[in-house]
């Protein structure tokens, strides 16, 4: 099967800009939200190391710390 570029006429198209741009481009977190994300993420990761004698709590703190870091956001 080949791609037919003008199969649907322009006046009948519904989603004209649907396939334009990169949907996988990540936005940088700037401002106070990004700073607080880094601060709280590192805080919970350090808390995970402090709670190593209690593995479930350490796992919870580590997971929470990774999710709060700006690169950890989906």
PDB file of N, CA and C in Angstrom:
ATOM      1  N   UNK A   1       0.841  -1.176   0.000  1.00  0.00           N
ATOM      2  CA  UNK A   1       0.000   0.000   0.000  1.00  0.00           C
ATOM      3  C   UNK A   1       0.886   1.240   0.000  1.00  0.00           C
ATOM      4  N   UNK A   2       0.475   2.192  -0.788  1.00  0.00           N
ATOM      5  CA  UNK A   2       1.220   3.436  -0.880  1.00  0.00           C
ATOM      6  C   UNK A   2       0.446   4.564  -0.205  1.00  0.00           C
ATOM      7  N   UNK A   3       1.180   5.564   0.180  1.00  0.00           N
ATOM      8  CA  UNK A   3       0.575   6.749   0.794  1.00  0.00           C
ATOM      9  C   UNK A   3       0.035   7.656  -0.302  1.00  0.00           C
ATOM     10  N   UNK A   4      -1.211   8.016  -0.202  1.00  0.00           N
ATOM     11  CA  UNK A   4      -1.832   8.941  -1.145  1.00  0.00           C
ATOM     12  C   UNK A   4      -2.022  10.279  -0.437  1.00  0.00           C
ATOM     13  N   UNK A   5      -1.240  11.301  -0.789  1.00  0.00           N
ATOM     14  CA  UNK A   5      -1.241  12.537  -0.005  1.00  0.00           C
ATOM     15  C   UNK A   5      -2.543  13.324  -0.033  1.00  0.00           C
ATOM     16  N   UNK A   6      -3.253  13.355  -1.126  1.00  0.00           N
ATOM     17  CA  UNK A   6      -4.462  14.185  -1.209  1.00  0.00           C
ATOM     18  C   UNK A   6      -5.704  13.335  -1.439  1.00  0.00           C
ATOM     19  N   UNK A   7      -5.824  12.267  -0.676  1.00  0.00           N
ATOM     20  CA  UNK A   7      -6.965  11.372  -0.813  1.00  0.00           C
ATOM     21  C   UNK A   7      -8.252  12.047  -0.324  1.00  0.00           C
ATOM     22  N   UNK A   8      -8.152  12.822   0.760  1.00  0.00           N
ATOM     23  CA  UNK A   8      -9.312  13.543   1.305  1.00  0.00           C
ATOM     24  C   UNK A   8      -9.175  15.012   0.902  1.00  0.00           C
ATOM     25  N   UNK A   9     -10.194  15.607   0.331  1.00  0.00           N
ATOM     26  CA  UNK A   9     -10.108  17.022  -0.056  1.00  0.00           C
ATOM     27  C   UNK A   9      -9.904  17.927   1.165  1.00  0.00           C
ATOM     28  N   UNK A  10      -9.273  19.078   0.965  1.00  0.00           N
ATOM     29  CA  UNK A  10      -8.951  19.979   2.081  1.00  0.00           C
ATOM     30  C   UNK A  10     -10.185  20.447   2.836  1.00  0.00           C
ATOM     31  N   UNK A  11     -11.283  20.679   2.159  1.00  0.00           N
ATOM     32  CA  UNK A  11     -12.485  21.167   2.847  1.00  0.00           C
ATOM     33  C   UNK A  11     -13.174  20.084   3.671  1.00  0.00           C
ATOM     34  N   UNK A  12     -12.813  18.805   3.457  1.00  0.00           N
ATOM     35  CA  UNK A  12     -13.440  17.711   4.196  1.00  0.00           C
ATOM     36  C   UNK A  12     -12.559  17.166   5.321  1.00  0.00           C
ATOM     37  N   UNK A  13     -11.361  17.689   5.462  1.00  0.00           N
ATOM     38  CA  UNK A  13     -10.452  17.194   6.504  1.00  0.00           C
ATOM     39  C   UNK A  13     -10.898  17.682   7.870  1.00  0.00           C
ATOM     40  N   UNK A  14     -10.809  16.781   8.845  1.00  0.00           N
ATOM     41  CA  UNK A  14     -11.246  17.127  10.199  1.00  0.00           C
ATOM     42  C   UNK A  14     -10.068  17.538  11.069  1.00  0.00           C
ATOM     43  N   UNK A  15      -9.023  16.740  11.088  1.00  0.00           N
ATOM     44  CA  UNK A  15      -7.847  17.010  11.914  1.00  0.00           C
ATOM     45  C   UNK A  15      -6.695  17.455  11.018  1.00  0.00           C
ATOM     46  N   UNK A  16      -6.678  18.721  10.649  1.00  0.00           N
ATOM     47  CA  UNK A  16      -5.678  19.188   9.689  1.00  0.00           C
ATOM     48  C   UNK A  16      -4.268  19.223  10.268  1.00  0.00           C
ATOM     49  N   UNK A  17      -4.117  19.590  11.522  1.00  0.00           N
ATOM     50  CA  UNK A  17      -2.784  19.708  12.129  1.00  0.00           C
ATOM     51  C   UNK A  17      -2.468  18.563  13.078  1.00  0.00           C
ATOM     52  N   UNK A  18      -3.130  17.445  12.935  1.00  0.00           N
ATOM     53  CA  UNK A  18      -2.967  16.344  13.885  1.00  0.00           C
ATOM     54  C   UNK A  18      -1.579  15.724  13.811  1.00  0.00           C
ATOM     55  N   UNK A  19      -1.012  15.582  12.634  1.00  0.00           N
ATOM     56  CA  UNK A  19       0.266  14.900  12.481  1.00  0.00           C
ATOM     57  C   UNK A  19       1.435  15.865  12.360  1.00  0.00           C
ATOM     58  N   UNK A  20       1.257  17.095  12.749  1.00  0.00           N
ATOM     59  CA  UNK A  20       2.348  18.062  12.670  1.00  0.00           C
ATOM     60  C   UNK A  20       2.983  18.229  14.033  1.00  0.00           C
ATOM     61  N   UNK A  21       4.274  18.351  14.048  1.00  0.00           N
ATOM     62  CA  UNK A  21       5.002  18.552  15.291  1.00  0.00           C
ATOM     63  C   UNK A  21       5.402  17.232  15.920  1.00  0.00           C
ATOM     64  N   UNK A  22       6.258  17.326  16.909  1.00  0.00           N
ATOM     65  CA  UNK A  22       6.776  16.148  17.592  1.00  0.00           C
ATOM     66  C   UNK A  22       6.062  15.999  18.933  1.00  0.00           C
ATOM     67  N   UNK A  23       5.261  14.945  19.078  1.00  0.00           N
ATOM     68  CA  UNK A  23       4.524  14.751  20.329  1.00  0.00           C
ATOM     69  C   UNK A  23       5.421  14.217  21.435  1.00  0.00           C
ATOM     70  N   UNK A  24       6.619  13.739  21.088  1.00  0.00           N
ATOM     71  CA  UNK A  24       7.515  13.172  22.082  1.00  0.00           C
ATOM     72  C   UNK A  24       8.527  14.182  22.598  1.00  0.00           C
ATOM     73  N   UNK A  25       8.396  15.419  22.196  1.00  0.00           N
ATOM     74  CA  UNK A  25       9.313  16.447  22.668  1.00  0.00           C
ATOM     75  C   UNK A  25       8.978  16.767  24.122  1.00  0.00           C
ATOM     76  N   UNK A  26       9.977  16.763  24.948  1.00  0.00           N
ATOM     77  CA  UNK A  26       9.724  17.038  26.365  1.00  0.00           C
ATOM     78  C   UNK A  26       9.876  18.527  26.634  1.00  0.00           C
ATOM     79  N   UNK A  27       9.030  19.020  27.482  1.00  0.00           N
ATOM     80  CA  UNK A  27       9.103  20.412  27.884  1.00  0.00           C
ATOM     81  C   UNK A  27       9.990  20.519  29.106  1.00  0.00           C
ATOM     82  N   UNK A  28      10.774  21.561  29.155  1.00  0.00           N
ATOM     83  CA  UNK A  28      11.621  21.779  30.317  1.00  0.00           C
ATOM     84  C   UNK A  28      10.797  22.435  31.417  1.00  0.00           C
ATOM     85  N   UNK A  29      10.979  21.953  32.625  1.00  0.00           N
ATOM     86  CA  UNK A  29      10.293  22.541  33.768  1.00  0.00           C
ATOM     87  C   UNK A  29      11.109  23.727  34.245  1.00  0.00           C
ATOM     88  N   UNK A  30      10.555  24.890  34.118  1.00  0.00           N
ATOM     89  CA  UNK A  30      11.259  26.086  34.545  1.00  0.00           C
ATOM     90  C   UNK A  30      10.457  26.773  35.630  1.00  0.00           C
ATOM     91  N   UNK A  31      11.129  27.609  36.336  1.00  0.00           N
ATOM     92  CA  UNK A  31      10.458  28.380  37.369  1.00  0.00           C
ATOM     93  C   UNK A  31      10.382  27.625  38.682  1.00  0.00           C
ATOM     94  N   UNK A  32       9.494  28.074  39.556  1.00  0.00           N
ATOM     95  CA  UNK A  32       9.417  27.490  40.902  1.00  0.00           C
ATOM     96  C   UNK A  32       8.980  26.029  40.897  1.00  0.00           C
ATOM     97  N   UNK A  33       8.154  25.646  39.935  1.00  0.00           N
ATOM     98  CA  UNK A  33       7.692  24.252  39.921  1.00  0.00           C
ATOM     99  C   UNK A  33       8.858  23.287  39.668  1.00  0.00           C
ATOM    100  N   UNK A  34       9.746  23.636  38.760  1.00  0.00           N
ATOM    101  CA  UNK A  34      10.904  22.797  38.485  1.00  0.00           C
ATOM    102  C   UNK A  34      11.875  22.763  39.652  1.00  0.00           C
ATOM    103  N   UNK A  35      12.069  23.909  40.290  1.00  0.00           N
ATOM    104  CA  UNK A  35      12.984  23.975  41.439  1.00  0.00           C
ATOM    105  C   UNK A  35      12.443  23.148  42.595  1.00  0.00           C
ATOM    106  N   UNK A  36      11.155  23.277  42.883  1.00  0.00           N
ATOM    107  CA  UNK A  36      10.565  22.488  43.969  1.00  0.00           C
ATOM    108  C   UNK A  36      10.583  20.992  43.642  1.00  0.00           C
ATOM    109  N   UNK A  37      10.416  20.657  42.373  1.00  0.00           N
ATOM    110  CA  UNK A  37      10.501  19.257  41.982  1.00  0.00           C
ATOM    111  C   UNK A  37      11.869  18.669  42.281  1.00  0.00           C
ATOM    112  N   UNK A  38      12.927  19.422  41.944  1.00  0.00           N
ATOM    113  CA  UNK A  38      14.282  18.947  42.246  1.00  0.00           C
ATOM    114  C   UNK A  38      14.524  18.853  43.753  1.00  0.00           C
ATOM    115  N   UNK A  39      14.095  19.866  44.495  1.00  0.00           N
ATOM    116  CA  UNK A  39      14.344  19.883  45.946  1.00  0.00           C
ATOM    117  C   UNK A  39      13.632  18.728  46.628  1.00  0.00           C
ATOM    118  N   UNK A  40      12.334  18.552  46.362  1.00  0.00           N
ATOM    119  CA  UNK A  40      11.591  17.488  47.018  1.00  0.00           C
ATOM    120  C   UNK A  40      12.004  16.111  46.508  1.00  0.00           C
ATOM    121  N   UNK A  41      12.366  16.006  45.229  1.00  0.00           N
ATOM    122  CA  UNK A  41      12.827  14.727  44.703  1.00  0.00           C
ATOM    123  C   UNK A  41      14.105  14.263  45.372  1.00  0.00           C
ATOM    124  N   UNK A  42      15.067  15.171  45.518  1.00  0.00           N
ATOM    125  CA  UNK A  42      16.328  14.824  46.189  1.00  0.00           C
ATOM    126  C   UNK A  42      16.081  14.554  47.665  1.00  0.00           C
ATOM    127  N   UNK A  43      15.179  15.306  48.272  1.00  0.00           N
ATOM    128  CA  UNK A  43      14.849  15.083  49.678  1.00  0.00           C
ATOM    129  C   UNK A  43      14.316  13.664  49.904  1.00  0.00           C
ATOM    130  N   UNK A  44      13.409  13.217  49.050  1.00  0.00           N
ATOM    131  CA  UNK A  44      12.850  11.878  49.224  1.00  0.00           C
ATOM    132  C   UNK A  44      13.853  10.786  48.840  1.00  0.00           C
ATOM    133  N   UNK A  45      14.733  11.053  47.901  1.00  0.00           N
ATOM    134  CA  UNK A  45      15.768  10.059  47.582  1.00  0.00           C
ATOM    135  C   UNK A  45      16.749   9.907  48.736  1.00  0.00           C
ATOM    136  N   UNK A  46      17.093  11.007  49.377  1.00  0.00           N
ATOM    137  CA  UNK A  46      17.952  10.909  50.566  1.00  0.00           C
ATOM    138  C   UNK A  46      17.208  10.215  51.706  1.00  0.00           C
ATOM    139  N   UNK A  47      15.911  10.444  51.804  1.00  0.00           N
ATOM    140  CA  UNK A  47      15.109   9.744  52.802  1.00  0.00           C
ATOM    141  C   UNK A  47      15.064   8.248  52.546  1.00  0.00           C
ATOM    142  N   UNK A  48      15.128   7.858  51.277  1.00  0.00           N
ATOM    143  CA  UNK A  48      15.152   6.430  50.948  1.00  0.00           C
ATOM    144  C   UNK A  48      16.435   5.794  51.462  1.00  0.00           C
ATOM    145  N   UNK A  49      17.555   6.511  51.331  1.00  0.00           N
ATOM    146  CA  UNK A  49      18.808   5.963  51.869  1.00  0.00           C
ATOM    147  C   UNK A  49      18.791   5.920  53.391  1.00  0.00           C
ATOM    148  N   UNK A  50      18.125   6.873  54.019  1.00  0.00           N
ATOM    149  CA  UNK A  50      18.047   6.885  55.485  1.00  0.00           C
ATOM    150  C   UNK A  50      17.168   5.755  56.002  1.00  0.00           C
ATOM    151  N   UNK A  51      16.214   5.300  55.199  1.00  0.00           N
ATOM    152  CA  UNK A  51      15.277   4.251  55.623  1.00  0.00           C
ATOM    153  C   UNK A  51      15.658   2.869  55.089  1.00  0.00           C
ATOM    154  N   UNK A  52      16.906   2.644  54.759  1.00  0.00           N
ATOM    155  CA  UNK A  52      17.323   1.334  54.240  1.00  0.00           C
ATOM    156  C   UNK A  52      17.059   0.174  55.203  1.00  0.00           C
ATOM    157  N   UNK A  53      17.082   0.375  56.520  1.00  0.00           N
ATOM    158  CA  UNK A  53      16.722  -0.754  57.398  1.00  0.00           C
ATOM    159  C   UNK A  53      15.253  -1.175  57.276  1.00  0.00           C
ATOM    160  N   UNK A  54      14.411  -0.316  56.716  1.00  0.00           N
ATOM    161  CA  UNK A  54      12.994  -0.617  56.510  1.00  0.00           C
ATOM    162  C   UNK A  54      12.724  -0.640  54.998  1.00  0.00           C
ATOM    163  N   UNK A  55      12.908  -1.788  54.337  1.00  0.00           N
ATOM    164  CA  UNK A  55      12.840  -1.837  52.867  1.00  0.00           C
ATOM    165  C   UNK A  55      11.533  -1.337  52.240  1.00  0.00           C
ATOM    166  N   UNK A  56      10.353  -1.657  52.778  1.00  0.00           N
ATOM    167  CA  UNK A  56       9.150  -1.131  52.101  1.00  0.00           C
ATOM    168  C   UNK A  56       9.077   0.404  52.122  1.00  0.00           C
ATOM    169  N   UNK A  57       9.451   0.994  53.240  1.00  0.00           N
ATOM    170  CA  UNK A  57       9.433   2.445  53.346  1.00  0.00           C
ATOM    171  C   UNK A  57      10.516   3.069  52.462  1.00  0.00           C
ATOM    172  N   UNK A  58      11.677   2.446  52.390  1.00  0.00           N
ATOM    173  CA  UNK A  58      12.752   2.937  51.526  1.00  0.00           C
ATOM    174  C   UNK A  58      12.329   2.863  50.064  1.00  0.00           C
ATOM    175  N   UNK A  59      11.654   1.789  49.673  1.00  0.00           N
ATOM    176  CA  UNK A  59      11.173   1.663  48.300  1.00  0.00           C
ATOM    177  C   UNK A  59      10.142   2.747  48.000  1.00  0.00           C
ATOM    178  N   UNK A  60       9.250   3.010  48.938  1.00  0.00           N
ATOM    179  CA  UNK A  60       8.233   4.039  48.758  1.00  0.00           C
ATOM    180  C   UNK A  60       8.866   5.416  48.607  1.00  0.00           C
ATOM    181  N   UNK A  61       9.810   5.759  49.478  1.00  0.00           N
ATOM    182  CA  UNK A  61      10.483   7.056  49.392  1.00  0.00           C
ATOM    183  C   UNK A  61      11.287   7.181  48.096  1.00  0.00           C
ATOM    184  N   UNK A  62      11.952   6.113  47.692  1.00  0.00           N
ATOM    185  CA  UNK A  62      12.720   6.154  46.454  1.00  0.00           C
ATOM    186  C   UNK A  62      11.830   6.338  45.239  1.00  0.00           C
ATOM    187  N   UNK A  63      10.731   5.634  45.210  1.00  0.00           N
ATOM    188  CA  UNK A  63       9.786   5.770  44.100  1.00  0.00           C
ATOM    189  C   UNK A  63       9.187   7.170  44.052  1.00  0.00           C
ATOM    190  N   UNK A  64       8.831   7.691  45.204  1.00  0.00           N
ATOM    191  CA  UNK A  64       8.282   9.041  45.276  1.00  0.00           C
ATOM    192  C   UNK A  64       9.321  10.078  44.853  1.00  0.00           C
ATOM    193  N   UNK A  65      10.575   9.878  45.269  1.00  0.00           N
ATOM    194  CA  UNK A  65      11.641  10.806  44.876  1.00  0.00           C
ATOM    195  C   UNK A  65      11.873  10.803  43.382  1.00  0.00           C
ATOM    196  N   UNK A  66      11.842   9.637  42.751  1.00  0.00           N
ATOM    197  CA  UNK A  66      12.048   9.560  41.304  1.00  0.00           C
ATOM    198  C   UNK A  66      10.880  10.201  40.563  1.00  0.00           C
ATOM    199  N   UNK A  67       9.679  10.014  41.065  1.00  0.00           N
ATOM    200  CA  UNK A  67       8.520  10.612  40.400  1.00  0.00           C
ATOM    201  C   UNK A  67       8.490  12.134  40.544  1.00  0.00           C
ATOM    202  N   UNK A  68       9.055  12.661  41.613  1.00  0.00           N
ATOM    203  CA  UNK A  68       9.035  14.115  41.824  1.00  0.00           C
ATOM    204  C   UNK A  68      10.129  14.835  41.046  1.00  0.00           C
ATOM    205  N   UNK A  69      11.205  14.157  40.685  1.00  0.00           N
ATOM    206  CA  UNK A  69      12.245  14.798  39.893  1.00  0.00           C
ATOM    207  C   UNK A  69      11.703  15.151  38.515  1.00  0.00           C
ATOM    208  N   UNK A  70      12.030  16.319  37.992  1.00  0.00           N
ATOM    209  CA  UNK A  70      11.508  16.694  36.670  1.00  0.00           C
ATOM    210  C   UNK A  70      11.845  15.716  35.545  1.00  0.00           C
ATOM    211  N   UNK A  71      13.029  15.072  35.491  1.00  0.00           N
ATOM    212  CA  UNK A  71      13.238  14.079  34.438  1.00  0.00           C
ATOM    213  C   UNK A  71      12.410  12.808  34.643  1.00  0.00           C
ATOM    214  N   UNK A  72      11.865  12.595  35.830  1.00  0.00           N
ATOM    215  CA  UNK A  72      11.072  11.412  36.107  1.00  0.00           C
ATOM    216  C   UNK A  72       9.619  11.534  35.690  1.00  0.00           C
ATOM    217  N   UNK A  73       9.222  12.727  35.254  1.00  0.00           N
ATOM    218  CA  UNK A  73       7.832  12.916  34.823  1.00  0.00           C
ATOM    219  C   UNK A  73       7.620  12.314  33.451  1.00  0.00           C
ATOM    220  N   UNK A  74       6.429  11.794  33.249  1.00  0.00           N
ATOM    221  CA  UNK A  74       6.116  11.223  31.933  1.00  0.00           C
ATOM    222  C   UNK A  74       5.478  12.224  31.027  1.00  0.00           C
TER     223      UNK A  74
END
